Protein backbone atom coordinates (compact mmCIF):
# COMPACT_ATOMS: atom_id res chain seq x y z
CA LYS A 1 38.26 -107.89 -36.11
CA TRP A 2 37.55 -105.54 -33.14
CA GLY A 3 35.26 -103.52 -34.52
CA SER A 4 34.37 -99.60 -34.72
CA LYS A 5 35.09 -99.17 -31.09
CA PRO A 6 37.29 -101.66 -28.75
CA ASN A 7 37.31 -101.91 -24.98
CA PRO A 8 39.23 -103.83 -22.52
CA LYS A 9 36.87 -106.63 -22.91
CA SER A 10 37.15 -106.80 -26.53
CA PHE A 11 39.57 -110.04 -28.04
CA ALA A 12 40.70 -110.49 -31.51
CA GLY A 13 42.82 -113.39 -32.49
CA GLY A 14 46.18 -113.48 -32.97
CA ASP A 15 48.54 -116.42 -31.50
CA LEU A 16 51.78 -118.14 -30.84
CA LYS A 17 52.08 -119.97 -33.99
CA GLY A 18 50.81 -116.81 -36.21
CA ILE A 19 54.07 -114.55 -34.77
CA THR A 20 56.35 -118.26 -35.27
CA LYS A 21 55.05 -118.00 -39.17
CA LYS A 22 55.68 -114.07 -39.17
CA LEU A 23 59.52 -114.10 -38.33
CA SER A 24 61.01 -114.27 -41.60
CA TYR A 25 58.40 -111.06 -42.16
CA LEU A 26 60.09 -108.99 -39.03
CA LYS A 27 63.81 -110.23 -39.70
CA ASP A 28 63.39 -108.86 -43.27
CA CYS A 29 62.60 -105.43 -41.77
CA GLY A 30 65.63 -105.42 -39.65
CA ILE A 31 64.20 -106.99 -36.17
CA ASP A 32 66.34 -109.22 -34.14
CA SER A 33 64.33 -109.65 -31.07
CA VAL A 34 60.61 -109.87 -30.58
CA TYR A 35 59.12 -108.32 -26.68
CA LEU A 36 56.28 -110.25 -25.91
CA THR A 37 53.85 -109.00 -23.85
CA PRO A 38 52.32 -111.69 -20.96
CA VAL A 39 51.12 -115.15 -22.89
CA PHE A 40 50.17 -117.13 -19.81
CA THR A 41 46.90 -117.92 -18.32
CA SER A 42 44.38 -115.04 -17.81
CA VAL A 43 40.83 -113.70 -18.22
CA SER A 44 41.45 -110.75 -20.06
CA ASN A 45 42.91 -109.70 -23.02
CA HIS A 46 45.86 -107.65 -22.19
CA LYS A 47 47.03 -110.77 -19.98
CA TYR A 48 48.28 -108.65 -17.09
CA ASP A 49 46.16 -110.89 -14.31
CA ILE A 50 47.79 -114.19 -15.00
CA SER A 51 46.35 -117.02 -12.96
CA ASP A 52 49.23 -119.72 -13.98
CA TYR A 53 52.47 -118.50 -14.53
CA TYR A 54 52.90 -121.94 -15.86
CA THR A 55 50.60 -122.73 -18.57
CA VAL A 56 50.15 -120.51 -21.94
CA ASP A 57 47.08 -119.26 -22.60
CA PRO A 58 44.67 -121.27 -24.59
CA GLN A 59 43.58 -117.91 -26.91
CA PHE A 60 47.26 -117.88 -27.61
CA GLY A 61 47.85 -122.01 -28.25
CA THR A 62 49.70 -124.23 -26.34
CA ASN A 63 53.33 -124.21 -24.25
CA LYS A 64 55.16 -126.80 -27.47
CA ASP A 65 53.71 -123.16 -29.53
CA LEU A 66 55.84 -121.41 -26.93
CA LYS A 67 58.87 -123.37 -27.26
CA GLU A 68 58.82 -123.59 -31.23
CA LEU A 69 58.82 -119.77 -31.31
CA VAL A 70 61.82 -119.44 -29.43
CA GLU A 71 63.53 -122.19 -31.58
CA GLU A 72 62.56 -120.69 -35.13
CA ALA A 73 64.07 -117.07 -33.64
CA HIS A 74 66.69 -118.83 -32.27
CA ARG A 75 67.23 -120.91 -36.06
CA LEU A 76 67.05 -116.94 -37.63
CA GLY A 77 69.51 -115.26 -35.23
CA MET A 78 66.42 -113.35 -33.28
CA HIS A 79 65.57 -113.66 -29.38
CA ILE A 80 62.20 -113.47 -27.89
CA VAL A 81 62.02 -111.80 -24.41
CA MET A 82 59.23 -112.27 -22.54
CA ASP A 83 57.29 -109.83 -19.53
CA ALA A 84 57.27 -110.88 -15.81
CA VAL A 85 54.17 -109.87 -14.18
CA PHE A 86 55.72 -110.14 -10.69
CA ASN A 87 53.94 -107.55 -8.89
CA HIS A 88 50.24 -108.91 -8.83
CA ALA A 89 48.56 -111.71 -9.93
CA SER A 90 44.95 -112.74 -11.14
CA GLU A 91 42.08 -112.91 -8.18
CA ASN A 92 42.52 -116.10 -10.13
CA LEU A 93 45.23 -117.07 -8.96
CA LYS A 94 45.00 -120.06 -6.77
CA GLU A 95 46.65 -119.24 -3.98
CA PHE A 96 44.94 -115.88 -3.35
CA LYS A 97 41.55 -117.92 -3.91
CA ASP A 98 42.93 -119.78 -0.84
CA VAL A 99 43.89 -116.67 1.18
CA VAL A 100 39.50 -115.56 0.49
CA GLU A 101 38.45 -118.91 1.02
CA LYS A 102 40.72 -119.38 4.69
CA GLY A 103 41.84 -116.17 5.51
CA LEU A 104 44.77 -116.12 7.93
CA LYS A 105 43.82 -119.98 8.33
CA SER A 106 45.50 -119.97 4.76
CA PRO A 107 49.26 -121.15 3.86
CA TYR A 108 49.16 -118.12 1.35
CA TYR A 109 47.91 -115.46 3.66
CA ASN A 110 51.48 -113.68 3.77
CA TRP A 111 51.85 -113.99 0.03
CA PHE A 112 49.80 -110.74 -0.42
CA ILE A 113 48.80 -107.56 2.02
CA VAL A 114 45.61 -108.25 3.39
CA HIS A 115 44.39 -105.55 5.97
CA GLY A 116 42.31 -108.00 8.07
CA ASP A 117 42.21 -110.92 9.30
CA THR A 118 40.10 -112.33 5.88
CA VAL A 119 39.73 -110.96 2.51
CA ASN A 120 36.73 -108.67 1.52
CA VAL A 121 36.56 -108.12 -1.80
CA LYS A 122 33.93 -105.58 -2.19
CA LYS A 123 35.58 -103.54 0.18
CA CYS A 124 38.65 -104.59 -1.45
CA ASN A 125 41.21 -104.98 1.93
CA TYR A 126 44.06 -105.73 0.72
CA GLU A 127 46.66 -104.25 -1.81
CA THR A 128 46.25 -104.53 -5.68
CA PHE A 129 47.72 -103.09 -8.37
CA ALA A 130 46.31 -99.70 -9.97
CA SER A 131 43.17 -100.13 -7.51
CA CYS A 132 42.10 -103.11 -9.90
CA THR A 133 40.23 -105.53 -7.11
CA TYR A 134 41.15 -108.55 -9.60
CA MET A 135 45.15 -107.71 -9.42
CA PRO A 136 45.90 -108.44 -5.65
CA LYS A 137 49.31 -107.33 -5.05
CA LEU A 138 52.28 -110.06 -4.60
CA ASN A 139 54.14 -109.67 -1.15
CA THR A 140 57.50 -109.63 -2.66
CA GLY A 141 59.21 -109.17 0.48
CA ASN A 142 57.81 -112.77 1.67
CA PRO A 143 60.89 -115.06 0.96
CA GLU A 144 58.20 -118.14 -0.47
CA VAL A 145 56.95 -115.42 -2.76
CA GLN A 146 60.14 -114.62 -3.91
CA LYS A 147 61.42 -117.90 -4.65
CA TYR A 148 57.80 -118.56 -6.06
CA LEU A 149 58.23 -116.26 -8.99
CA ILE A 150 62.44 -116.47 -9.32
CA ASP A 151 61.77 -120.04 -9.88
CA ILE A 152 59.28 -118.60 -12.99
CA ALA A 153 61.32 -116.86 -14.64
CA VAL A 154 64.64 -119.25 -14.44
CA HIS A 155 61.95 -121.67 -15.77
CA TYR A 156 61.73 -119.93 -19.08
CA ILE A 157 65.09 -119.66 -19.48
CA LYS A 158 66.11 -123.30 -18.75
CA GLU A 159 63.36 -125.21 -20.56
CA TYR A 160 62.19 -122.49 -23.08
CA ASP A 161 65.67 -121.07 -24.02
CA ILE A 162 64.01 -117.17 -23.87
CA ASP A 163 66.70 -114.71 -23.58
CA GLY A 164 65.37 -112.37 -21.42
CA TRP A 165 63.07 -110.54 -19.20
CA ARG A 166 60.93 -107.01 -19.57
CA LEU A 167 59.53 -106.45 -15.84
CA ASP A 168 56.58 -105.20 -15.30
CA VAL A 169 55.78 -101.63 -12.79
CA SER A 170 59.18 -103.41 -11.93
CA ASP A 171 59.46 -100.14 -9.71
CA GLU A 172 57.05 -101.18 -7.42
CA ILE A 173 59.02 -104.08 -6.28
CA SER A 174 61.74 -103.81 -3.73
CA HIS A 175 65.85 -103.57 -4.76
CA ASP A 176 66.61 -106.58 -3.12
CA PHE A 177 64.20 -108.88 -5.05
CA TRP A 178 65.62 -107.32 -7.93
CA ARG A 179 69.17 -108.69 -7.05
CA SER A 180 68.13 -111.70 -6.08
CA PHE A 181 66.26 -112.02 -9.43
CA ARG A 182 69.42 -111.11 -11.36
CA LYS A 183 71.21 -113.70 -9.62
CA ALA A 184 68.99 -116.10 -11.09
CA VAL A 185 68.74 -114.74 -14.29
CA LYS A 186 72.09 -114.20 -14.60
CA GLY A 187 72.97 -117.56 -13.19
CA ALA A 188 70.83 -119.45 -15.86
CA LYS A 189 71.72 -117.74 -18.71
CA GLU A 190 74.61 -115.16 -18.28
CA ASP A 191 73.67 -112.87 -21.33
CA ALA A 192 69.63 -113.25 -21.01
CA VAL A 193 68.39 -109.19 -20.67
CA ILE A 194 66.45 -107.62 -17.70
CA ILE A 195 64.58 -104.45 -18.91
CA GLY A 196 62.85 -103.01 -15.90
CA GLU A 197 59.33 -101.01 -16.71
CA ASN A 198 60.41 -97.44 -14.34
CA TRP A 199 58.71 -94.47 -16.28
CA HIS A 200 61.19 -91.95 -14.48
CA ASP A 201 64.66 -91.99 -13.60
CA ALA A 202 65.65 -95.50 -12.31
CA TYR A 203 69.59 -94.59 -11.15
CA SER A 204 69.04 -97.03 -8.11
CA ASN A 205 67.95 -99.71 -10.20
CA LEU A 206 70.88 -99.37 -12.82
CA GLN A 207 74.34 -100.01 -10.54
CA GLY A 208 74.96 -103.37 -12.40
CA ASP A 209 73.38 -105.54 -9.02
CA GLN A 210 69.14 -105.36 -10.68
CA TYR A 211 68.24 -104.64 -14.11
CA ASP A 212 70.51 -104.38 -17.01
CA SER A 213 68.23 -101.33 -18.36
CA ILE A 214 64.86 -100.04 -18.66
CA MET A 215 62.39 -98.94 -21.22
CA ASN A 216 63.42 -95.46 -21.75
CA TYR A 217 60.33 -93.50 -21.48
CA ALA A 218 62.10 -90.12 -20.71
CA PHE A 219 63.43 -90.55 -24.37
CA THR A 220 59.44 -91.44 -25.73
CA LYS A 221 58.66 -88.13 -23.82
CA THR A 222 61.45 -85.72 -25.76
CA CYS A 223 60.51 -87.01 -28.56
CA LEU A 224 56.72 -86.25 -28.08
CA ASP A 225 57.42 -82.82 -27.35
CA TYR A 226 59.96 -82.23 -30.01
CA PHE A 227 57.82 -84.11 -32.84
CA ALA A 228 54.35 -84.52 -31.71
CA THR A 229 53.27 -80.89 -29.26
CA GLY A 230 56.40 -78.48 -30.23
CA GLU A 231 56.88 -77.78 -27.15
CA LYS A 232 60.38 -78.18 -27.27
CA ASN A 233 62.59 -76.42 -30.26
CA ALA A 234 65.73 -78.43 -31.51
CA GLU A 235 68.51 -76.65 -28.92
CA GLU A 236 65.74 -77.77 -25.76
CA THR A 237 65.68 -81.44 -26.97
CA ALA A 238 69.48 -81.26 -27.31
CA TRP A 239 69.37 -80.63 -24.00
CA LYS A 240 67.12 -83.31 -22.75
CA LEU A 241 68.92 -85.56 -24.82
CA ASN A 242 71.99 -84.42 -23.39
CA SER A 243 69.85 -84.90 -19.59
CA ILE A 244 68.68 -88.66 -20.35
CA LEU A 245 72.61 -89.58 -21.31
CA MET A 246 73.86 -88.58 -18.16
CA ARG A 247 71.63 -90.39 -16.06
CA ASN A 248 73.84 -93.40 -16.14
CA LYS A 249 77.00 -94.71 -17.17
CA ASP A 250 77.74 -96.02 -20.99
CA GLY A 251 77.20 -99.66 -20.33
CA VAL A 252 73.96 -98.91 -19.08
CA ASN A 253 72.72 -96.36 -21.72
CA GLN A 254 74.02 -98.95 -24.60
CA MET A 255 71.28 -101.31 -23.17
CA MET A 256 68.70 -98.65 -22.85
CA LEU A 257 65.06 -99.69 -24.66
CA ASN A 258 64.26 -96.48 -26.05
CA LEU A 259 60.79 -96.57 -27.70
CA LEU A 260 58.70 -94.04 -29.40
CA ASP A 261 55.08 -96.09 -28.27
CA SER A 262 53.99 -98.66 -26.63
CA HIS A 263 51.03 -101.22 -25.61
CA ASP A 264 50.88 -98.40 -22.86
CA THR A 265 50.41 -95.15 -25.18
CA LEU A 266 49.35 -93.82 -28.09
CA ARG A 267 50.30 -94.32 -31.00
CA ILE A 268 53.25 -92.42 -32.60
CA PHE A 269 51.63 -91.80 -36.35
CA THR A 270 48.74 -90.47 -34.29
CA GLU A 271 50.44 -88.84 -31.77
CA VAL A 272 52.42 -86.45 -34.63
CA GLY A 273 48.74 -85.78 -36.56
CA LYS A 274 49.47 -88.37 -39.33
CA ASP A 275 52.58 -86.01 -40.27
CA ARG A 276 54.61 -88.73 -41.76
CA ASN A 277 58.20 -86.32 -42.47
CA LYS A 278 57.44 -85.89 -38.68
CA PHE A 279 57.25 -89.66 -38.01
CA LYS A 280 60.11 -90.25 -40.11
CA ASN A 281 62.59 -87.55 -38.58
CA ALA A 282 61.33 -89.44 -35.42
CA LEU A 283 62.35 -92.87 -36.42
CA ALA A 284 65.42 -91.71 -37.39
CA LEU A 285 66.38 -90.19 -34.29
CA LEU A 286 65.16 -93.43 -32.78
CA TYR A 287 67.51 -95.75 -34.75
CA PHE A 288 70.87 -93.46 -34.10
CA PHE A 289 70.42 -92.29 -30.49
CA LYS A 290 72.27 -94.38 -28.01
CA GLY A 291 70.74 -97.73 -26.85
CA VAL A 292 68.22 -100.39 -28.28
CA PRO A 293 66.00 -98.80 -31.03
CA CYS A 294 62.69 -100.53 -29.75
CA ILE A 295 59.38 -100.16 -32.10
CA TYR A 296 56.07 -101.22 -31.96
CA TYR A 297 54.14 -103.81 -33.87
CA GLY A 298 52.13 -102.13 -37.18
CA THR A 299 54.73 -98.85 -36.95
CA GLU A 300 55.77 -99.80 -40.23
CA ILE A 301 52.33 -99.72 -42.12
CA LEU A 302 51.43 -96.31 -40.13
CA THR A 303 49.01 -98.03 -37.39
CA GLU A 304 47.28 -95.17 -35.58
CA GLY A 305 45.72 -95.53 -32.59
CA GLY A 306 44.25 -93.85 -29.03
CA PHE A 307 44.79 -94.48 -25.64
CA ASP A 308 44.87 -98.44 -24.88
CA PRO A 309 42.92 -100.26 -25.92
CA ASP A 310 42.80 -98.63 -29.06
CA CYS A 311 46.91 -98.90 -29.47
CA ARG A 312 46.18 -102.53 -29.55
CA ARG A 313 44.63 -102.65 -33.35
CA CYS A 314 44.94 -105.41 -35.37
CA MET A 315 47.45 -105.85 -37.52
CA ASP A 316 46.44 -104.77 -41.53
CA TRP A 317 48.35 -107.79 -43.25
CA ASP A 318 47.00 -105.99 -46.51
CA LYS A 319 49.01 -102.68 -45.44
CA THR A 320 51.83 -104.74 -45.57
CA LYS A 321 51.53 -105.84 -49.37
CA ASP A 322 49.73 -103.02 -51.12
CA GLY A 323 52.98 -100.56 -51.18
CA SER A 324 51.12 -97.45 -49.74
CA CYS A 325 54.43 -97.84 -46.94
CA LYS A 326 57.07 -98.95 -49.08
CA ASP A 327 58.81 -95.56 -47.81
CA ILE A 328 58.44 -96.58 -44.04
CA TYR A 329 60.21 -100.16 -44.70
CA ALA A 330 63.10 -98.81 -46.48
CA GLU A 331 63.90 -96.10 -44.02
CA ILE A 332 63.60 -98.81 -41.28
CA LYS A 333 65.48 -101.12 -43.46
CA LEU A 334 68.27 -98.03 -43.31
CA LEU A 335 68.58 -97.21 -40.21
CA SER A 336 68.71 -101.19 -39.17
CA GLY A 337 71.22 -101.81 -41.64
CA LEU A 338 73.42 -98.70 -39.84
CA ARG A 339 72.98 -100.58 -36.22
CA LYS A 340 74.19 -103.81 -37.02
CA ASN A 341 77.76 -102.37 -37.41
CA GLU A 342 79.29 -103.92 -35.01
CA GLU A 343 80.84 -100.37 -34.11
CA PHE A 344 77.62 -98.20 -34.04
CA SER A 345 76.46 -99.04 -29.96
CA GLY A 346 79.94 -97.95 -28.76
CA GLY A 347 80.93 -94.64 -30.50
CA GLU A 348 81.20 -91.17 -28.98
CA TYR A 349 78.04 -88.90 -28.76
CA LYS A 350 77.50 -85.53 -29.63
CA ILE A 351 74.30 -83.67 -29.69
CA PHE A 352 73.71 -79.65 -29.91
CA ALA A 353 71.57 -78.28 -31.94
CA GLU A 354 72.46 -75.78 -34.87
CA ASN A 355 70.01 -73.10 -36.58
CA ASP A 356 67.57 -75.17 -35.49
CA VAL A 357 68.78 -78.40 -36.80
CA LEU A 358 69.25 -81.28 -34.17
CA THR A 359 72.73 -82.58 -35.07
CA LEU A 360 73.78 -86.30 -33.26
CA ILE A 361 77.21 -87.43 -34.13
CA ASN A 362 78.06 -90.75 -33.69
CA LYS A 363 82.19 -91.03 -33.45
CA CYS A 364 83.27 -94.53 -33.99
CA LYS A 365 86.28 -96.30 -34.38
CA SER A 366 86.26 -96.43 -38.26
CA THR A 367 83.42 -94.36 -39.54
CA CYS A 368 81.82 -91.10 -38.31
CA TYR A 369 77.80 -91.01 -38.34
CA LYS A 370 76.24 -88.34 -38.65
CA LEU A 371 72.37 -87.22 -38.38
CA TYR A 372 71.03 -83.69 -38.87
CA ILE A 373 66.76 -83.09 -38.33
CA ASN A 374 65.00 -80.35 -39.40
CA ASN A 375 61.66 -80.26 -37.96
CA THR A 376 60.71 -76.95 -38.98
CA ASP A 377 58.36 -75.61 -41.58
CA SER A 378 61.44 -74.15 -43.84
CA ASP A 379 64.62 -75.04 -45.05
CA LYS A 380 67.64 -75.26 -43.11
CA LYS A 381 71.71 -75.22 -43.10
CA ALA A 382 73.67 -76.49 -40.75
CA GLY A 383 76.90 -75.73 -41.69
CA GLU A 384 77.43 -76.15 -45.29
CA ILE A 385 74.83 -78.60 -45.52
CA LYS A 386 71.06 -78.01 -46.32
CA ILE A 387 68.21 -79.46 -44.97
CA PRO A 388 65.08 -79.61 -46.23
CA ALA A 389 62.37 -78.92 -44.56
CA LYS A 390 60.81 -81.72 -42.29
CA SER A 391 62.96 -84.23 -43.03
CA PHE A 392 66.51 -85.67 -41.78
CA LYS A 393 70.04 -86.39 -43.36
CA ILE A 394 72.46 -89.13 -42.39
CA PHE A 395 76.33 -88.86 -43.48
CA ALA A 396 78.67 -91.70 -42.81
CA ASN A 397 82.65 -90.08 -43.21
CA ASP A 398 80.88 -87.01 -44.55
CA GLU A 399 78.88 -89.17 -47.44
CA GLU A 400 75.47 -88.90 -47.31
CA VAL A 401 73.54 -91.57 -46.79
CA LYS A 402 70.36 -91.36 -48.60
CA ASN A 403 67.49 -92.15 -47.12
CA ALA A 404 63.82 -93.12 -48.34
């Protein structure tokens, strides 16, 4: 384990074989897809500074382990999505090291954006990600770089049969690149998913020629305003959720990756002040809202965490067995079961607030689902239905679905 105070240089173990062994556990929780942050060769603990895109970092295992993970996931009816870090690379990437050594004479000089004939690492006269000198920005406008990166994406689909890519800082890369990327990826695997990491409105990327969807941080922010800080009441939250759905076409909304927290944020359980009821309400909204619900590992055992890297604490496997989070497991399994109804994602949504109760109605072909959330400290009524303080209720065709 990390100890009392992890830092960006901390390492805590864990590997691909470990994930493979736990796939049945995830399946039992209702999970059917796993998104992995970068697994390729890197000196950091976060692995977003990649020096070899074709080799799994030895800390995580081998390329064979990756292949076995995908095969076992598919055997269980699950999917594996990987992280495409194509905006920048590591200073240890052989092409960048060649530029450092040879400057303009390097055949890779135009693979990066250097201000001058040679690279000066101390003065950082080259473009980087987030002002980090060890992560030089790739010149994705260069056709050679485009081919290099797209070949990597296609390689892992054809050779490892992965099910898609999450695109790191995708809003810092040109539309032309992503158009070429999509054609190649969909050509290799038609149903491979492409999810951009855009923290803001990505309408221009979601017209059917680039991404399928994005990580829906607008939804995350709305949940924090409602459940954590109390900046928005039920009515204001309803307005915001409706505005999020109005940004994009319905097909995009159905594929949006909705999340409460991630490796880049504080843990949601910490954000809500460790209030289990608010936490459960947030989970109910996550699973009920149009799109794809995504939970960060350890959510089911109420993992806490502050700013990165504290949000990446070790998975406490003892808590999966001691019964202390039995109610959270039950809720996630209940909500996952509802979502597995094929009709659910294609229903007609209505979102509004009544008497401080946030209400979502999803009218499907044969079933009408209703979610009522009371995030206040007092009992409320939505029509004739009483919703106790800090609780939620779900109905299917007017029959209550008992929550945990």
